[in-house]
Structure formats: structure tokens, C-alpha cells
Amino acid sequence: MRRILTSSLILIICILTLISSFILAENLNHNYWWQVIGMGIVTFAVGRFYFHQVKSYHENGK
């Protein structure tokens, strides 16, 4: 259960960072688009890890 909570927290932080990077790139500086692309990749990887953790928790019950 602790792994799922930790993964959830990290996923939420990644999503919020992705949203803030998108806002910065749209409004302030167009060089932030590289950060948006990078955070999109990181968020995708963290999301896959999170859903794998949830799936294994439901299968094993641990």
C-alpha cells in the first residue's frame, strides 16, 4: 500500500510539473517546449510504473 501511495504522489507531482511547464512555454518563453517534451516522457514513464504497481497490488493483494 505504501508503494501505491508513493507512486501516486510522484505521479501527481509529475503531472503538475508538466502542466506548469506547458503554461510557461505557452506564455513566457518558447524554449520551455523542450522541458514540456521531457516532462511528457517522464510523466508517461511514471504513469506506466504507477499502473503496473496498482495492477500487481490488486493481483497479489499486498
PDB file of N, CA and C in Angstrom:
ATOM      1  N   MET A   1       0.821  -1.192   0.000  1.00  0.00           N
ATOM      2  CA  MET A   1       0.000   0.000   0.000  1.00  0.00           C
ATOM      3  C   MET A   1       0.866   1.258   0.000  1.00  0.00           C
ATOM      4  N   ARG A   2       1.990   1.179   0.698  1.00  0.00           N
ATOM      5  CA  ARG A   2       2.873   2.339   0.771  1.00  0.00           C
ATOM      6  C   ARG A   2       3.470   2.664  -0.597  1.00  0.00           C
ATOM      7  N   ARG A   3       3.761   1.623  -1.387  1.00  0.00           N
ATOM      8  CA  ARG A   3       4.298   1.849  -2.727  1.00  0.00           C
ATOM      9  C   ARG A   3       3.288   2.561  -3.621  1.00  0.00           C
ATOM     10  N   ILE A   4       2.026   2.207  -3.480  1.00  0.00           N
ATOM     11  CA  ILE A   4       0.999   2.837  -4.299  1.00  0.00           C
ATOM     12  C   ILE A   4       0.845   4.303  -3.909  1.00  0.00           C
ATOM     13  N   LEU A   5       0.872   4.598  -2.616  1.00  0.00           N
ATOM     14  CA  LEU A   5       0.769   5.991  -2.181  1.00  0.00           C
ATOM     15  C   LEU A   5       1.963   6.814  -2.654  1.00  0.00           C
ATOM     16  N   THR A   6       3.151   6.240  -2.570  1.00  0.00           N
ATOM     17  CA  THR A   6       4.346   6.938  -3.031  1.00  0.00           C
ATOM     18  C   THR A   6       4.290   7.154  -4.534  1.00  0.00           C
ATOM     19  N   SER A   7       3.880   6.134  -5.269  1.00  0.00           N
ATOM     20  CA  SER A   7       3.765   6.266  -6.720  1.00  0.00           C
ATOM     21  C   SER A   7       2.710   7.293  -7.097  1.00  0.00           C
ATOM     22  N   SER A   8       1.614   7.343  -6.349  1.00  0.00           N
ATOM     23  CA  SER A   8       0.558   8.322  -6.618  1.00  0.00           C
ATOM     24  C   SER A   8       1.078   9.736  -6.417  1.00  0.00           C
ATOM     25  N   LEU A   9       1.809   9.947  -5.341  1.00  0.00           N
ATOM     26  CA  LEU A   9       2.362  11.260  -5.056  1.00  0.00           C
ATOM     27  C   LEU A   9       3.334  11.700  -6.146  1.00  0.00           C
ATOM     28  N   ILE A  10       4.200  10.810  -6.566  1.00  0.00           N
ATOM     29  CA  ILE A  10       5.169  11.137  -7.612  1.00  0.00           C
ATOM     30  C   ILE A  10       4.467  11.410  -8.937  1.00  0.00           C
ATOM     31  N   LEU A  11       3.430  10.643  -9.257  1.00  0.00           N
ATOM     32  CA  LEU A  11       2.680  10.873 -10.490  1.00  0.00           C
ATOM     33  C   LEU A  11       1.979  12.233 -10.460  1.00  0.00           C
ATOM     34  N   ILE A  12       1.399  12.599  -9.327  1.00  0.00           N
ATOM     35  CA  ILE A  12       0.735  13.904  -9.210  1.00  0.00           C
ATOM     36  C   ILE A  12       1.746  15.038  -9.364  1.00  0.00           C
ATOM     37  N   ILE A  13       2.925  14.882  -8.770  1.00  0.00           N
ATOM     38  CA  ILE A  13       3.966  15.905  -8.909  1.00  0.00           C
ATOM     39  C   ILE A  13       4.397  16.037 -10.364  1.00  0.00           C
ATOM     40  N   CYS A  14       4.553  14.921 -11.062  1.00  0.00           N
ATOM     41  CA  CYS A  14       4.944  14.968 -12.466  1.00  0.00           C
ATOM     42  C   CYS A  14       3.874  15.632 -13.323  1.00  0.00           C
ATOM     43  N   ILE A  15       2.623  15.333 -13.056  1.00  0.00           N
ATOM     44  CA  ILE A  15       1.537  15.941 -13.833  1.00  0.00           C
ATOM     45  C   ILE A  15       1.478  17.450 -13.585  1.00  0.00           C
ATOM     46  N   LEU A  16       1.627  17.864 -12.337  1.00  0.00           N
ATOM     47  CA  LEU A  16       1.613  19.298 -12.031  1.00  0.00           C
ATOM     48  C   LEU A  16       2.806  20.023 -12.659  1.00  0.00           C
ATOM     49  N   THR A  17       3.967  19.379 -12.664  1.00  0.00           N
ATOM     50  CA  THR A  17       5.144  19.976 -13.303  1.00  0.00           C
ATOM     51  C   THR A  17       4.945  20.064 -14.809  1.00  0.00           C
ATOM     52  N   LEU A  18       4.327  19.056 -15.401  1.00  0.00           N
ATOM     53  CA  LEU A  18       4.036  19.086 -16.831  1.00  0.00           C
ATOM     54  C   LEU A  18       3.081  20.226 -17.170  1.00  0.00           C
ATOM     55  N   ILE A  19       2.059  20.419 -16.361  1.00  0.00           N
ATOM     56  CA  ILE A  19       1.094  21.497 -16.605  1.00  0.00           C
ATOM     57  C   ILE A  19       1.762  22.862 -16.457  1.00  0.00           C
ATOM     58  N   SER A  20       2.583  23.025 -15.419  1.00  0.00           N
ATOM     59  CA  SER A  20       3.249  24.318 -15.232  1.00  0.00           C
ATOM     60  C   SER A  20       4.261  24.584 -16.348  1.00  0.00           C
ATOM     61  N   SER A  21       4.938  23.548 -16.831  1.00  0.00           N
ATOM     62  CA  SER A  21       5.869  23.717 -17.948  1.00  0.00           C
ATOM     63  C   SER A  21       5.129  24.126 -19.211  1.00  0.00           C
ATOM     64  N   PHE A  22       3.962  23.543 -19.419  1.00  0.00           N
ATOM     65  CA  PHE A  22       3.155  23.901 -20.585  1.00  0.00           C
ATOM     66  C   PHE A  22       2.716  25.363 -20.511  1.00  0.00           C
ATOM     67  N   ILE A  23       2.302  25.800 -19.334  1.00  0.00           N
ATOM     68  CA  ILE A  23       1.877  27.197 -19.170  1.00  0.00           C
ATOM     69  C   ILE A  23       3.058  28.144 -19.399  1.00  0.00           C
ATOM     70  N   LEU A  24       4.227  27.789 -18.870  1.00  0.00           N
ATOM     71  CA  LEU A  24       5.411  28.625 -19.087  1.00  0.00           C
ATOM     72  C   LEU A  24       5.779  28.700 -20.559  1.00  0.00           C
ATOM     73  N   ALA A  25       5.718  27.571 -21.243  1.00  0.00           N
ATOM     74  CA  ALA A  25       6.080  27.554 -22.663  1.00  0.00           C
ATOM     75  C   ALA A  25       5.077  28.333 -23.499  1.00  0.00           C
ATOM     76  N   GLU A  26       3.839  28.271 -23.121  1.00  0.00           N
ATOM     77  CA  GLU A  26       2.802  28.958 -23.892  1.00  0.00           C
ATOM     78  C   GLU A  26       2.853  30.470 -23.683  1.00  0.00           C
ATOM     79  N   ASN A  27       3.127  30.910 -22.468  1.00  0.00           N
ATOM     80  CA  ASN A  27       3.017  32.324 -22.149  1.00  0.00           C
ATOM     81  C   ASN A  27       4.342  33.077 -22.140  1.00  0.00           C
ATOM     82  N   LEU A  28       5.377  32.490 -21.557  1.00  0.00           N
ATOM     83  CA  LEU A  28       6.587  33.266 -21.312  1.00  0.00           C
ATOM     84  C   LEU A  28       7.687  33.038 -22.340  1.00  0.00           C
ATOM     85  N   ASN A  29       8.136  31.823 -22.442  1.00  0.00           N
ATOM     86  CA  ASN A  29       9.328  31.552 -23.228  1.00  0.00           C
ATOM     87  C   ASN A  29       9.121  30.275 -24.025  1.00  0.00           C
ATOM     88  N   HIS A  30       9.344  30.352 -25.325  1.00  0.00           N
ATOM     89  CA  HIS A  30       9.122  29.174 -26.164  1.00  0.00           C
ATOM     90  C   HIS A  30      10.242  28.142 -26.034  1.00  0.00           C
ATOM     91  N   ASN A  31      11.323  28.484 -25.340  1.00  0.00           N
ATOM     92  CA  ASN A  31      12.382  27.497 -25.101  1.00  0.00           C
ATOM     93  C   ASN A  31      11.951  26.442 -24.089  1.00  0.00           C
ATOM     94  N   TYR A  32      10.861  26.710 -23.370  1.00  0.00           N
ATOM     95  CA  TYR A  32      10.364  25.744 -22.401  1.00  0.00           C
ATOM     96  C   TYR A  32       9.679  24.550 -23.057  1.00  0.00           C
ATOM     97  N   TRP A  33       9.489  24.572 -24.368  1.00  0.00           N
ATOM     98  CA  TRP A  33       8.848  23.426 -25.028  1.00  0.00           C
ATOM     99  C   TRP A  33       9.687  22.166 -24.890  1.00  0.00           C
ATOM    100  N   TRP A  34      11.012  22.325 -24.817  1.00  0.00           N
ATOM    101  CA  TRP A  34      11.859  21.145 -24.599  1.00  0.00           C
ATOM    102  C   TRP A  34      11.605  20.549 -23.221  1.00  0.00           C
ATOM    103  N   GLN A  35      11.351  21.411 -22.247  1.00  0.00           N
ATOM    104  CA  GLN A  35      11.015  20.923 -20.913  1.00  0.00           C
ATOM    105  C   GLN A  35       9.662  20.225 -20.926  1.00  0.00           C
ATOM    106  N   VAL A  36       8.715  20.738 -21.701  1.00  0.00           N
ATOM    107  CA  VAL A  36       7.403  20.102 -21.809  1.00  0.00           C
ATOM    108  C   VAL A  36       7.537  18.716 -22.419  1.00  0.00           C
ATOM    109  N   ILE A  37       8.345  18.599 -23.454  1.00  0.00           N
ATOM    110  CA  ILE A  37       8.553  17.298 -24.094  1.00  0.00           C
ATOM    111  C   ILE A  37       9.208  16.330 -23.113  1.00  0.00           C
ATOM    112  N   GLY A  38      10.231  16.800 -22.411  1.00  0.00           N
ATOM    113  CA  GLY A  38      10.912  15.943 -21.433  1.00  0.00           C
ATOM    114  C   GLY A  38       9.993  15.523 -20.300  1.00  0.00           C
ATOM    115  N   MET A  39       9.213  16.448 -19.788  1.00  0.00           N
ATOM    116  CA  MET A  39       8.294  16.105 -18.692  1.00  0.00           C
ATOM    117  C   MET A  39       7.172  15.201 -19.183  1.00  0.00           C
ATOM    118  N   GLY A  40       6.797  15.326 -20.447  1.00  0.00           N
ATOM    119  CA  GLY A  40       5.807  14.399 -21.002  1.00  0.00           C
ATOM    120  C   GLY A  40       6.331  12.976 -21.018  1.00  0.00           C
ATOM    121  N   ILE A  41       7.589  12.818 -21.393  1.00  0.00           N
ATOM    122  CA  ILE A  41       8.207  11.486 -21.403  1.00  0.00           C
ATOM    123  C   ILE A  41       8.324  10.939 -19.984  1.00  0.00           C
ATOM    124  N   VAL A  42       8.768  11.785 -19.050  1.00  0.00           N
ATOM    125  CA  VAL A  42       8.902  11.352 -17.658  1.00  0.00           C
ATOM    126  C   VAL A  42       7.543  10.991 -17.065  1.00  0.00           C
ATOM    127  N   THR A  43       6.522  11.810 -17.337  1.00  0.00           N
ATOM    128  CA  THR A  43       5.189  11.544 -16.813  1.00  0.00           C
ATOM    129  C   THR A  43       4.632  10.248 -17.381  1.00  0.00           C
ATOM    130  N   PHE A  44       4.883   9.990 -18.653  1.00  0.00           N
ATOM    131  CA  PHE A  44       4.445   8.739 -19.268  1.00  0.00           C
ATOM    132  C   PHE A  44       5.104   7.543 -18.586  1.00  0.00           C
ATOM    133  N   ALA A  45       6.417   7.639 -18.348  1.00  0.00           N
ATOM    134  CA  ALA A  45       7.134   6.530 -17.708  1.00  0.00           C
ATOM    135  C   ALA A  45       6.660   6.320 -16.271  1.00  0.00           C
ATOM    136  N   VAL A  46       6.467   7.403 -15.540  1.00  0.00           N
ATOM    137  CA  VAL A  46       5.988   7.288 -14.157  1.00  0.00           C
ATOM    138  C   VAL A  46       4.567   6.738 -14.132  1.00  0.00           C
ATOM    139  N   GLY A  47       3.739   7.149 -15.075  1.00  0.00           N
ATOM    140  CA  GLY A  47       2.376   6.630 -15.163  1.00  0.00           C
ATOM    141  C   GLY A  47       2.343   5.138 -15.438  1.00  0.00           C
ATOM    142  N   ARG A  48       3.214   4.684 -16.329  1.00  0.00           N
ATOM    143  CA  ARG A  48       3.292   3.233 -16.595  1.00  0.00           C
ATOM    144  C   ARG A  48       3.718   2.477 -15.347  1.00  0.00           C
ATOM    145  N   PHE A  49       4.705   3.016 -14.618  1.00  0.00           N
ATOM    146  CA  PHE A  49       5.152   2.382 -13.389  1.00  0.00           C
ATOM    147  C   PHE A  49       4.037   2.357 -12.355  1.00  0.00           C
ATOM    148  N   TYR A  50       3.286   3.469 -12.252  1.00  0.00           N
ATOM    149  CA  TYR A  50       2.188   3.562 -11.292  1.00  0.00           C
ATOM    150  C   TYR A  50       1.116   2.515 -11.596  1.00  0.00           C
ATOM    151  N   PHE A  51       0.700   2.424 -12.845  1.00  0.00           N
ATOM    152  CA  PHE A  51      -0.346   1.464 -13.183  1.00  0.00           C
ATOM    153  C   PHE A  51       0.136   0.017 -13.047  1.00  0.00           C
ATOM    154  N   HIS A  52       1.437  -0.208 -13.257  1.00  0.00           N
ATOM    155  CA  HIS A  52       1.985  -1.543 -13.002  1.00  0.00           C
ATOM    156  C   HIS A  52       1.931  -1.868 -11.513  1.00  0.00           C
ATOM    157  N   GLN A  53       2.240  -0.879 -10.668  1.00  0.00           N
ATOM    158  CA  GLN A  53       2.178  -1.086  -9.216  1.00  0.00           C
ATOM    159  C   GLN A  53       0.750  -1.386  -8.764  1.00  0.00           C
ATOM    160  N   VAL A  54      -0.212  -0.640  -9.299  1.00  0.00           N
ATOM    161  CA  VAL A  54      -1.605  -0.843  -8.922  1.00  0.00           C
ATOM    162  C   VAL A  54      -2.083  -2.227  -9.380  1.00  0.00           C
ATOM    163  N   LYS A  55      -1.709  -2.598 -10.593  1.00  0.00           N
ATOM    164  CA  LYS A  55      -2.123  -3.901 -11.125  1.00  0.00           C
ATOM    165  C   LYS A  55      -1.537  -5.041 -10.291  1.00  0.00           C
ATOM    166  N   SER A  56      -0.260  -4.944  -9.961  1.00  0.00           N
ATOM    167  CA  SER A  56       0.362  -6.009  -9.172  1.00  0.00           C
ATOM    168  C   SER A  56      -0.205  -6.029  -7.748  1.00  0.00           C
ATOM    169  N   TYR A  57      -0.575  -4.867  -7.208  1.00  0.00           N
ATOM    170  CA  TYR A  57      -1.187  -4.830  -5.863  1.00  0.00           C
ATOM    171  C   TYR A  57      -2.543  -5.537  -5.871  1.00  0.00           C
ATOM    172  N   HIS A  58      -3.330  -5.305  -6.904  1.00  0.00           N
ATOM    173  CA  HIS A  58      -4.648  -5.935  -6.972  1.00  0.00           C
ATOM    174  C   HIS A  58      -4.546  -7.433  -7.252  1.00  0.00           C
ATOM    175  N   GLU A  59      -3.531  -7.843  -8.002  1.00  0.00           N
ATOM    176  CA  GLU A  59      -3.355  -9.262  -8.292  1.00  0.00           C
ATOM    177  C   GLU A  59      -2.839 -10.026  -7.078  1.00  0.00           C
ATOM    178  N   ASN A  60      -1.903  -9.435  -6.361  1.00  0.00           N
ATOM    179  CA  ASN A  60      -1.267 -10.124  -5.238  1.00  0.00           C
ATOM    180  C   ASN A  60      -1.950  -9.831  -3.909  1.00  0.00           C
ATOM    181  N   GLY A  61      -2.599  -8.699  -3.809  1.00  0.00           N
ATOM    182  CA  GLY A  61      -3.258  -8.341  -2.560  1.00  0.00           C
ATOM    183  C   GLY A  61      -2.295  -7.888  -1.485  1.00  0.00           C
ATOM    184  N   LYS A  62      -1.105  -7.434  -1.888  1.00  0.00           N
ATOM    185  CA  LYS A  62      -0.097  -6.991  -0.906  1.00  0.00           C
ATOM    186  C   LYS A  62       0.156  -5.523  -1.078  1.00  0.00           C
TER     187      LYS A  62
END
